[in-house]
Amino acid sequence: WCRSHRPKFLSGVISALLWSLSLL
């Protein structure tokens, strides 16, 4: 499932969201 269905950019988006939440 991770290889075929998970978007490749998901890790980057989640990391950016977590960093943004932390900054906020």
mmCIF file of all heavy atoms, coordinates in Angstrom:
data_MODEL
# 
_entry.id   MODEL 
# 
loop_
_atom_site.group_PDB 
_atom_site.id 
_atom_site.type_symbol 
_atom_site.label_atom_id 
_atom_site.label_alt_id 
_atom_site.label_comp_id 
_atom_site.label_asym_id 
_atom_site.label_entity_id 
_atom_site.label_seq_id 
_atom_site.pdbx_PDB_ins_code 
_atom_site.Cartn_x 
_atom_site.Cartn_y 
_atom_site.Cartn_z 
_atom_site.occupancy 
_atom_site.B_iso_or_equiv 
_atom_site.pdbx_formal_charge 
_atom_site.auth_seq_id 
_atom_site.auth_comp_id 
_atom_site.auth_asym_id 
_atom_site.auth_atom_id 
_atom_site.pdbx_PDB_model_num 
ATOM 1   N N   . TRP A 1 1  ? 0.838  -1.206 0.000  1.00 0.00 ? 1  TRP A N   1 
ATOM 2   C CA  . TRP A 1 1  ? 0.000  0.000  0.000  1.00 0.00 ? 1  TRP A CA  1 
ATOM 3   C C   . TRP A 1 1  ? 0.869  1.251  0.000  1.00 0.00 ? 1  TRP A C   1 
ATOM 4   O O   . TRP A 1 1  ? 0.592  2.213  -0.721 1.00 0.00 ? 1  TRP A O   1 
ATOM 5   C CB  . TRP A 1 1  ? -0.923 0.008  1.215  1.00 0.00 ? 1  TRP A CB  1 
ATOM 6   C CG  . TRP A 1 1  ? -1.754 1.256  1.281  1.00 0.00 ? 1  TRP A CG  1 
ATOM 7   C CD1 . TRP A 1 1  ? -2.939 1.472  0.643  1.00 0.00 ? 1  TRP A CD1 1 
ATOM 8   C CD2 . TRP A 1 1  ? -1.439 2.460  1.980  1.00 0.00 ? 1  TRP A CD2 1 
ATOM 9   N NE1 . TRP A 1 1  ? -3.389 2.741  0.913  1.00 0.00 ? 1  TRP A NE1 1 
ATOM 10  C CE2 . TRP A 1 1  ? -2.485 3.374  1.730  1.00 0.00 ? 1  TRP A CE2 1 
ATOM 11  C CE3 . TRP A 1 1  ? -0.384 2.870  2.784  1.00 0.00 ? 1  TRP A CE3 1 
ATOM 12  C CZ2 . TRP A 1 1  ? -2.502 4.658  2.262  1.00 0.00 ? 1  TRP A CZ2 1 
ATOM 13  C CZ3 . TRP A 1 1  ? -0.396 4.139  3.314  1.00 0.00 ? 1  TRP A CZ3 1 
ATOM 14  C CH2 . TRP A 1 1  ? -1.448 5.020  3.053  1.00 0.00 ? 1  TRP A CH2 1 
ATOM 15  N N   . CYS A 1 2  ? 1.918  1.248  0.816  1.00 0.00 ? 2  CYS A N   1 
ATOM 16  C CA  . CYS A 1 2  ? 2.792  2.427  0.896  1.00 0.00 ? 2  CYS A CA  1 
ATOM 17  C C   . CYS A 1 2  ? 3.484  2.704  -0.429 1.00 0.00 ? 2  CYS A C   1 
ATOM 18  O O   . CYS A 1 2  ? 3.646  3.851  -0.824 1.00 0.00 ? 2  CYS A O   1 
ATOM 19  C CB  . CYS A 1 2  ? 3.845  2.254  1.997  1.00 0.00 ? 2  CYS A CB  1 
ATOM 20  S SG  . CYS A 1 2  ? 3.178  2.498  3.645  1.00 0.00 ? 2  CYS A SG  1 
ATOM 21  N N   . ARG A 1 3  ? 3.898  1.643  -1.118 1.00 0.00 ? 3  ARG A N   1 
ATOM 22  C CA  . ARG A 1 3  ? 4.582  1.840  -2.400 1.00 0.00 ? 3  ARG A CA  1 
ATOM 23  C C   . ARG A 1 3  ? 3.643  2.284  -3.508 1.00 0.00 ? 3  ARG A C   1 
ATOM 24  O O   . ARG A 1 3  ? 4.010  3.072  -4.366 1.00 0.00 ? 3  ARG A O   1 
ATOM 25  C CB  . ARG A 1 3  ? 5.282  0.559  -2.824 1.00 0.00 ? 3  ARG A CB  1 
ATOM 26  C CG  . ARG A 1 3  ? 6.528  0.302  -2.051 1.00 0.00 ? 3  ARG A CG  1 
ATOM 27  C CD  . ARG A 1 3  ? 7.324  -0.846 -2.641 1.00 0.00 ? 3  ARG A CD  1 
ATOM 28  N NE  . ARG A 1 3  ? 8.331  -1.252 -1.691 1.00 0.00 ? 3  ARG A NE  1 
ATOM 29  C CZ  . ARG A 1 3  ? 8.504  -2.470 -1.259 1.00 0.00 ? 3  ARG A CZ  1 
ATOM 30  N NH1 . ARG A 1 3  ? 7.738  -3.453 -1.712 1.00 0.00 ? 3  ARG A NH1 1 
ATOM 31  N NH2 . ARG A 1 3  ? 9.433  -2.749 -0.381 1.00 0.00 ? 3  ARG A NH2 1 
ATOM 32  N N   . SER A 1 4  ? 2.415  1.779  -3.486 1.00 0.00 ? 4  SER A N   1 
ATOM 33  C CA  . SER A 1 4  ? 1.540  2.051  -4.626 1.00 0.00 ? 4  SER A CA  1 
ATOM 34  C C   . SER A 1 4  ? 0.502  3.148  -4.392 1.00 0.00 ? 4  SER A C   1 
ATOM 35  O O   . SER A 1 4  ? 0.096  3.809  -5.332 1.00 0.00 ? 4  SER A O   1 
ATOM 36  C CB  . SER A 1 4  ? 0.826  0.758  -5.056 1.00 0.00 ? 4  SER A CB  1 
ATOM 37  O OG  . SER A 1 4  ? 0.069  0.243  -3.989 1.00 0.00 ? 4  SER A OG  1 
ATOM 38  N N   . HIS A 1 5  ? 0.062  3.363  -3.161 1.00 0.00 ? 5  HIS A N   1 
ATOM 39  C CA  . HIS A 1 5  ? -1.047 4.303  -2.939 1.00 0.00 ? 5  HIS A CA  1 
ATOM 40  C C   . HIS A 1 5  ? -0.676 5.559  -2.165 1.00 0.00 ? 5  HIS A C   1 
ATOM 41  O O   . HIS A 1 5  ? -1.359 6.558  -2.263 1.00 0.00 ? 5  HIS A O   1 
ATOM 42  C CB  . HIS A 1 5  ? -2.187 3.609  -2.199 1.00 0.00 ? 5  HIS A CB  1 
ATOM 43  C CG  . HIS A 1 5  ? -2.855 2.519  -2.989 1.00 0.00 ? 5  HIS A CG  1 
ATOM 44  N ND1 . HIS A 1 5  ? -2.455 2.126  -4.227 1.00 0.00 ? 5  HIS A ND1 1 
ATOM 45  C CD2 . HIS A 1 5  ? -3.910 1.728  -2.689 1.00 0.00 ? 5  HIS A CD2 1 
ATOM 46  C CE1 . HIS A 1 5  ? -3.221 1.153  -4.664 1.00 0.00 ? 5  HIS A CE1 1 
ATOM 47  N NE2 . HIS A 1 5  ? -4.113 0.879  -3.747 1.00 0.00 ? 5  HIS A NE2 1 
ATOM 48  N N   . ARG A 1 6  ? 0.362  5.506  -1.362 1.00 0.00 ? 6  ARG A N   1 
ATOM 49  C CA  . ARG A 1 6  ? 0.721  6.664  -0.557 1.00 0.00 ? 6  ARG A CA  1 
ATOM 50  C C   . ARG A 1 6  ? 1.395  7.707  -1.440 1.00 0.00 ? 6  ARG A C   1 
ATOM 51  O O   . ARG A 1 6  ? 2.336  7.400  -2.158 1.00 0.00 ? 6  ARG A O   1 
ATOM 52  C CB  . ARG A 1 6  ? 1.679  6.252  0.564  1.00 0.00 ? 6  ARG A CB  1 
ATOM 53  C CG  . ARG A 1 6  ? 1.933  7.352  1.567  1.00 0.00 ? 6  ARG A CG  1 
ATOM 54  C CD  . ARG A 1 6  ? 2.904  6.921  2.626  1.00 0.00 ? 6  ARG A CD  1 
ATOM 55  N NE  . ARG A 1 6  ? 4.242  6.686  2.142  1.00 0.00 ? 6  ARG A NE  1 
ATOM 56  C CZ  . ARG A 1 6  ? 5.113  7.649  1.869  1.00 0.00 ? 6  ARG A CZ  1 
ATOM 57  N NH1 . ARG A 1 6  ? 4.801  8.895  2.013  1.00 0.00 ? 6  ARG A NH1 1 
ATOM 58  N NH2 . ARG A 1 6  ? 6.315  7.344  1.439  1.00 0.00 ? 6  ARG A NH2 1 
ATOM 59  N N   . PRO A 1 7  ? 0.899  8.940  -1.400 1.00 0.00 ? 7  PRO A N   1 
ATOM 60  C CA  . PRO A 1 7  ? 1.528  9.992  -2.215 1.00 0.00 ? 7  PRO A CA  1 
ATOM 61  C C   . PRO A 1 7  ? 2.989  10.198 -1.820 1.00 0.00 ? 7  PRO A C   1 
ATOM 62  O O   . PRO A 1 7  ? 3.333  10.167 -0.636 1.00 0.00 ? 7  PRO A O   1 
ATOM 63  C CB  . PRO A 1 7  ? 0.707  11.242 -1.883 1.00 0.00 ? 7  PRO A CB  1 
ATOM 64  C CG  . PRO A 1 7  ? -0.565 10.746 -1.300 1.00 0.00 ? 7  PRO A CG  1 
ATOM 65  C CD  . PRO A 1 7  ? -0.262 9.428  -0.661 1.00 0.00 ? 7  PRO A CD  1 
ATOM 66  N N   . LYS A 1 8  ? 3.832  10.406 -2.802 1.00 0.00 ? 8  LYS A N   1 
ATOM 67  C CA  . LYS A 1 8  ? 5.270  10.551 -2.557 1.00 0.00 ? 8  LYS A CA  1 
ATOM 68  C C   . LYS A 1 8  ? 5.589  11.795 -1.736 1.00 0.00 ? 8  LYS A C   1 
ATOM 69  O O   . LYS A 1 8  ? 6.555  11.828 -0.997 1.00 0.00 ? 8  LYS A O   1 
ATOM 70  C CB  . LYS A 1 8  ? 6.035  10.617 -3.888 1.00 0.00 ? 8  LYS A CB  1 
ATOM 71  C CG  . LYS A 1 8  ? 5.857  9.395  -4.750 1.00 0.00 ? 8  LYS A CG  1 
ATOM 72  C CD  . LYS A 1 8  ? 6.483  8.190  -4.117 1.00 0.00 ? 8  LYS A CD  1 
ATOM 73  C CE  . LYS A 1 8  ? 6.334  6.991  -5.032 1.00 0.00 ? 8  LYS A CE  1 
ATOM 74  N NZ  . LYS A 1 8  ? 6.284  5.752  -4.324 1.00 0.00 ? 8  LYS A NZ  1 
ATOM 75  N N   . PHE A 1 9  ? 4.785  12.835 -1.860 1.00 0.00 ? 9  PHE A N   1 
ATOM 76  C CA  . PHE A 1 9  ? 5.058  14.099 -1.183 1.00 0.00 ? 9  PHE A CA  1 
ATOM 77  C C   . PHE A 1 9  ? 4.450  14.160 0.215  1.00 0.00 ? 9  PHE A C   1 
ATOM 78  O O   . PHE A 1 9  ? 4.589  15.156 0.911  1.00 0.00 ? 9  PHE A O   1 
ATOM 79  C CB  . PHE A 1 9  ? 4.539  15.269 -2.017 1.00 0.00 ? 9  PHE A CB  1 
ATOM 80  C CG  . PHE A 1 9  ? 3.061  15.190 -2.291 1.00 0.00 ? 9  PHE A CG  1 
ATOM 81  C CD1 . PHE A 1 9  ? 2.136  15.704 -1.398 1.00 0.00 ? 9  PHE A CD1 1 
ATOM 82  C CD2 . PHE A 1 9  ? 2.594  14.580 -3.451 1.00 0.00 ? 9  PHE A CD2 1 
ATOM 83  C CE1 . PHE A 1 9  ? 0.779  15.621 -1.637 1.00 0.00 ? 9  PHE A CE1 1 
ATOM 84  C CE2 . PHE A 1 9  ? 1.228  14.491 -3.710 1.00 0.00 ? 9  PHE A CE2 1 
ATOM 85  C CZ  . PHE A 1 9  ? 0.325  15.015 -2.794 1.00 0.00 ? 9  PHE A CZ  1 
ATOM 86  N N   . LEU A 1 10 ? 3.778  13.094 0.657  1.00 0.00 ? 10 LEU A N   1 
ATOM 87  C CA  . LEU A 1 10 ? 3.068  13.113 1.937  1.00 0.00 ? 10 LEU A CA  1 
ATOM 88  C C   . LEU A 1 10 ? 4.003  13.401 3.122  1.00 0.00 ? 10 LEU A C   1 
ATOM 89  O O   . LEU A 1 10 ? 3.671  14.186 4.006  1.00 0.00 ? 10 LEU A O   1 
ATOM 90  C CB  . LEU A 1 10 ? 2.338  11.789 2.151  1.00 0.00 ? 10 LEU A CB  1 
ATOM 91  C CG  . LEU A 1 10 ? 1.456  11.703 3.393  1.00 0.00 ? 10 LEU A CG  1 
ATOM 92  C CD1 . LEU A 1 10 ? 0.338  12.741 3.332  1.00 0.00 ? 10 LEU A CD1 1 
ATOM 93  C CD2 . LEU A 1 10 ? 0.870  10.308 3.525  1.00 0.00 ? 10 LEU A CD2 1 
ATOM 94  N N   . SER A 1 11 ? 5.175  12.778 3.143  1.00 0.00 ? 11 SER A N   1 
ATOM 95  C CA  . SER A 1 11 ? 6.110  12.997 4.253  1.00 0.00 ? 11 SER A CA  1 
ATOM 96  C C   . SER A 1 11 ? 6.536  14.454 4.332  1.00 0.00 ? 11 SER A C   1 
ATOM 97  O O   . SER A 1 11 ? 6.612  15.027 5.422  1.00 0.00 ? 11 SER A O   1 
ATOM 98  C CB  . SER A 1 11 ? 7.345  12.112 4.098  1.00 0.00 ? 11 SER A CB  1 
ATOM 99  O OG  . SER A 1 11 ? 6.987  10.764 4.162  1.00 0.00 ? 11 SER A OG  1 
ATOM 100 N N   . GLY A 1 12 ? 6.832  15.046 3.196  1.00 0.00 ? 12 GLY A N   1 
ATOM 101 C CA  . GLY A 1 12 ? 7.231  16.453 3.168  1.00 0.00 ? 12 GLY A CA  1 
ATOM 102 C C   . GLY A 1 12 ? 6.121  17.382 3.629  1.00 0.00 ? 12 GLY A C   1 
ATOM 103 O O   . GLY A 1 12 ? 6.358  18.334 4.380  1.00 0.00 ? 12 GLY A O   1 
ATOM 104 N N   . VAL A 1 13 ? 4.893  17.095 3.206  1.00 0.00 ? 13 VAL A N   1 
ATOM 105 C CA  . VAL A 1 13 ? 3.745  17.924 3.599  1.00 0.00 ? 13 VAL A CA  1 
ATOM 106 C C   . VAL A 1 13 ? 3.496  17.804 5.100  1.00 0.00 ? 13 VAL A C   1 
ATOM 107 O O   . VAL A 1 13 ? 3.299  18.811 5.795  1.00 0.00 ? 13 VAL A O   1 
ATOM 108 C CB  . VAL A 1 13 ? 2.481  17.527 2.794  1.00 0.00 ? 13 VAL A CB  1 
ATOM 109 C CG1 . VAL A 1 13 ? 1.240  18.176 3.358  1.00 0.00 ? 13 VAL A CG1 1 
ATOM 110 C CG2 . VAL A 1 13 ? 2.657  17.890 1.326  1.00 0.00 ? 13 VAL A CG2 1 
ATOM 111 N N   . ILE A 1 14 ? 3.531  16.583 5.623  1.00 0.00 ? 14 ILE A N   1 
ATOM 112 C CA  . ILE A 1 14 ? 3.306  16.388 7.055  1.00 0.00 ? 14 ILE A CA  1 
ATOM 113 C C   . ILE A 1 14 ? 4.411  17.060 7.869  1.00 0.00 ? 14 ILE A C   1 
ATOM 114 O O   . ILE A 1 14 ? 4.142  17.715 8.877  1.00 0.00 ? 14 ILE A O   1 
ATOM 115 C CB  . ILE A 1 14 ? 3.176  14.889 7.393  1.00 0.00 ? 14 ILE A CB  1 
ATOM 116 C CG1 . ILE A 1 14 ? 1.851  14.365 6.835  1.00 0.00 ? 14 ILE A CG1 1 
ATOM 117 C CG2 . ILE A 1 14 ? 3.266  14.648 8.891  1.00 0.00 ? 14 ILE A CG2 1 
ATOM 118 C CD1 . ILE A 1 14 ? 1.655  12.881 6.968  1.00 0.00 ? 14 ILE A CD1 1 
ATOM 119 N N   . SER A 1 15 ? 5.650  16.931 7.439  1.00 0.00 ? 15 SER A N   1 
ATOM 120 C CA  . SER A 1 15 ? 6.756  17.600 8.142  1.00 0.00 ? 15 SER A CA  1 
ATOM 121 C C   . SER A 1 15 ? 6.580  19.107 8.130  1.00 0.00 ? 15 SER A C   1 
ATOM 122 O O   . SER A 1 15 ? 6.784  19.770 9.159  1.00 0.00 ? 15 SER A O   1 
ATOM 123 C CB  . SER A 1 15 ? 8.096  17.226 7.503  1.00 0.00 ? 15 SER A CB  1 
ATOM 124 O OG  . SER A 1 15 ? 8.365  15.859 7.690  1.00 0.00 ? 15 SER A OG  1 
ATOM 125 N N   . ALA A 1 16 ? 6.209  19.657 6.981  1.00 0.00 ? 16 ALA A N   1 
ATOM 126 C CA  . ALA A 1 16 ? 5.994  21.108 6.893  1.00 0.00 ? 16 ALA A CA  1 
ATOM 127 C C   . ALA A 1 16 ? 4.851  21.558 7.803  1.00 0.00 ? 16 ALA A C   1 
ATOM 128 O O   . ALA A 1 16 ? 4.952  22.594 8.471  1.00 0.00 ? 16 ALA A O   1 
ATOM 129 C CB  . ALA A 1 16 ? 5.709  21.511 5.442  1.00 0.00 ? 16 ALA A CB  1 
ATOM 130 N N   . LEU A 1 17 ? 3.774  20.771 7.845  1.00 0.00 ? 17 LEU A N   1 
ATOM 131 C CA  . LEU A 1 17 ? 2.657  21.102 8.732  1.00 0.00 ? 17 LEU A CA  1 
ATOM 132 C C   . LEU A 1 17 ? 3.067  21.045 10.209 1.00 0.00 ? 17 LEU A C   1 
ATOM 133 O O   . LEU A 1 17 ? 2.694  21.918 10.996 1.00 0.00 ? 17 LEU A O   1 
ATOM 134 C CB  . LEU A 1 17 ? 1.472  20.172 8.478  1.00 0.00 ? 17 LEU A CB  1 
ATOM 135 C CG  . LEU A 1 17 ? 0.718  20.390 7.171  1.00 0.00 ? 17 LEU A CG  1 
ATOM 136 C CD1 . LEU A 1 17 ? -0.312 19.277 6.961  1.00 0.00 ? 17 LEU A CD1 1 
ATOM 137 C CD2 . LEU A 1 17 ? 0.053  21.749 7.150  1.00 0.00 ? 17 LEU A CD2 1 
ATOM 138 N N   . LEU A 1 18 ? 3.841  20.036 10.568 1.00 0.00 ? 18 LEU A N   1 
ATOM 139 C CA  . LEU A 1 18 ? 4.284  19.920 11.957 1.00 0.00 ? 18 LEU A CA  1 
ATOM 140 C C   . LEU A 1 18 ? 5.227  21.062 12.343 1.00 0.00 ? 18 LEU A C   1 
ATOM 141 O O   . LEU A 1 18 ? 5.129  21.619 13.439 1.00 0.00 ? 18 LEU A O   1 
ATOM 142 C CB  . LEU A 1 18 ? 4.956  18.567 12.185 1.00 0.00 ? 18 LEU A CB  1 
ATOM 143 C CG  . LEU A 1 18 ? 4.025  17.368 12.173 1.00 0.00 ? 18 LEU A CG  1 
ATOM 144 C CD1 . LEU A 1 18 ? 4.814  16.069 12.228 1.00 0.00 ? 18 LEU A CD1 1 
ATOM 145 C CD2 . LEU A 1 18 ? 3.045  17.435 13.330 1.00 0.00 ? 18 LEU A CD2 1 
ATOM 146 N N   . TRP A 1 19 ? 6.141  21.418 11.450 1.00 0.00 ? 19 TRP A N   1 
ATOM 147 C CA  . TRP A 1 19 ? 7.040  22.544 11.716 1.00 0.00 ? 19 TRP A CA  1 
ATOM 148 C C   . TRP A 1 19 ? 6.241  23.841 11.820 1.00 0.00 ? 19 TRP A C   1 
ATOM 149 O O   . TRP A 1 19 ? 6.523  24.695 12.673 1.00 0.00 ? 19 TRP A O   1 
ATOM 150 C CB  . TRP A 1 19 ? 8.109  22.667 10.632 1.00 0.00 ? 19 TRP A CB  1 
ATOM 151 C CG  . TRP A 1 19 ? 9.272  21.755 10.863 1.00 0.00 ? 19 TRP A CG  1 
ATOM 152 C CD1 . TRP A 1 19 ? 9.501  20.551 10.265 1.00 0.00 ? 19 TRP A CD1 1 
ATOM 153 C CD2 . TRP A 1 19 ? 10.348 21.936 11.776 1.00 0.00 ? 19 TRP A CD2 1 
ATOM 154 N NE1 . TRP A 1 19 ? 10.647 19.996 10.741 1.00 0.00 ? 19 TRP A NE1 1 
ATOM 155 C CE2 . TRP A 1 19 ? 11.194 20.822 11.669 1.00 0.00 ? 19 TRP A CE2 1 
ATOM 156 C CE3 . TRP A 1 19 ? 10.677 22.948 12.685 1.00 0.00 ? 19 TRP A CE3 1 
ATOM 157 C CZ2 . TRP A 1 19 ? 12.353 20.689 12.424 1.00 0.00 ? 19 TRP A CZ2 1 
ATOM 158 C CZ3 . TRP A 1 19 ? 11.843 22.805 13.429 1.00 0.00 ? 19 TRP A CZ3 1 
ATOM 159 C CH2 . TRP A 1 19 ? 12.655 21.696 13.296 1.00 0.00 ? 19 TRP A CH2 1 
ATOM 160 N N   . SER A 1 20 ? 5.241  24.001 10.953 1.00 0.00 ? 20 SER A N   1 
ATOM 161 C CA  . SER A 1 20 ? 4.405  25.209 11.006 1.00 0.00 ? 20 SER A CA  1 
ATOM 162 C C   . SER A 1 20 ? 3.619  25.284 12.311 1.00 0.00 ? 20 SER A C   1 
ATOM 163 O O   . SER A 1 20 ? 3.531  26.350 12.933 1.00 0.00 ? 20 SER A O   1 
ATOM 164 C CB  . SER A 1 20 ? 3.426  25.238 9.823  1.00 0.00 ? 20 SER A CB  1 
ATOM 165 O OG  . SER A 1 20 ? 4.128  25.237 8.613  1.00 0.00 ? 20 SER A OG  1 
ATOM 166 N N   . LEU A 1 21 ? 3.044  24.164 12.736 1.00 0.00 ? 21 LEU A N   1 
ATOM 167 C CA  . LEU A 1 21 ? 2.317  24.124 14.005 1.00 0.00 ? 21 LEU A CA  1 
ATOM 168 C C   . LEU A 1 21 ? 3.246  24.453 15.168 1.00 0.00 ? 21 LEU A C   1 
ATOM 169 O O   . LEU A 1 21 ? 2.893  25.221 16.062 1.00 0.00 ? 21 LEU A O   1 
ATOM 170 C CB  . LEU A 1 21 ? 1.668  22.749 14.202 1.00 0.00 ? 21 LEU A CB  1 
ATOM 171 C CG  . LEU A 1 21 ? 0.928  22.537 15.518 1.00 0.00 ? 21 LEU A CG  1 
ATOM 172 C CD1 . LEU A 1 21 ? -0.279 23.471 15.627 1.00 0.00 ? 21 LEU A CD1 1 
ATOM 173 C CD2 . LEU A 1 21 ? 0.500  21.085 15.644 1.00 0.00 ? 21 LEU A CD2 1 
ATOM 174 N N   . SER A 1 22 ? 4.439  23.888 15.143 1.00 0.00 ? 22 SER A N   1 
ATOM 175 C CA  . SER A 1 22 ? 5.413  24.162 16.193 1.00 0.00 ? 22 SER A CA  1 
ATOM 176 C C   . SER A 1 22 ? 5.807  25.640 16.207 1.00 0.00 ? 22 SER A C   1 
ATOM 177 O O   . SER A 1 22 ? 5.884  26.262 17.274 1.00 0.00 ? 22 SER A O   1 
ATOM 178 C CB  . SER A 1 22 ? 6.657  23.294 15.986 1.00 0.00 ? 22 SER A CB  1 
ATOM 179 O OG  . SER A 1 22 ? 7.636  23.592 16.932 1.00 0.00 ? 22 SER A OG  1 
ATOM 180 N N   . LEU A 1 23 ? 6.035  26.205 15.033 1.00 0.00 ? 23 LEU A N   1 
ATOM 181 C CA  . LEU A 1 23 ? 6.381  27.627 14.936 1.00 0.00 ? 23 LEU A CA  1 
ATOM 182 C C   . LEU A 1 23 ? 5.238  28.496 15.453 1.00 0.00 ? 23 LEU A C   1 
ATOM 183 O O   . LEU A 1 23 ? 5.463  29.442 16.222 1.00 0.00 ? 23 LEU A O   1 
ATOM 184 C CB  . LEU A 1 23 ? 6.715  27.994 13.487 1.00 0.00 ? 23 LEU A CB  1 
ATOM 185 C CG  . LEU A 1 23 ? 7.088  29.441 13.235 1.00 0.00 ? 23 LEU A CG  1 
ATOM 186 C CD1 . LEU A 1 23 ? 8.385  29.797 13.954 1.00 0.00 ? 23 LEU A CD1 1 
ATOM 187 C CD2 . LEU A 1 23 ? 7.228  29.690 11.747 1.00 0.00 ? 23 LEU A CD2 1 
ATOM 188 N N   . LEU A 1 24 ? 4.019  28.147 15.086 1.00 0.00 ? 24 LEU A N   1 
ATOM 189 C CA  . LEU A 1 24 ? 2.853  28.903 15.536 1.00 0.00 ? 24 LEU A CA  1 
ATOM 190 C C   . LEU A 1 24 ? 2.710  28.849 17.059 1.00 0.00 ? 24 LEU A C   1 
ATOM 191 O O   . LEU A 1 24 ? 2.548  29.885 17.718 1.00 0.00 ? 24 LEU A O   1 
ATOM 192 C CB  . LEU A 1 24 ? 1.582  28.368 14.877 1.00 0.00 ? 24 LEU A CB  1 
ATOM 193 C CG  . LEU A 1 24 ? 0.261  28.961 15.382 1.00 0.00 ? 24 LEU A CG  1 
ATOM 194 C CD1 . LEU A 1 24 ? 0.128  30.406 14.934 1.00 0.00 ? 24 LEU A CD1 1 
ATOM 195 C CD2 . LEU A 1 24 ? -0.903 28.131 14.916 1.00 0.00 ? 24 LEU A CD2 1 
# 
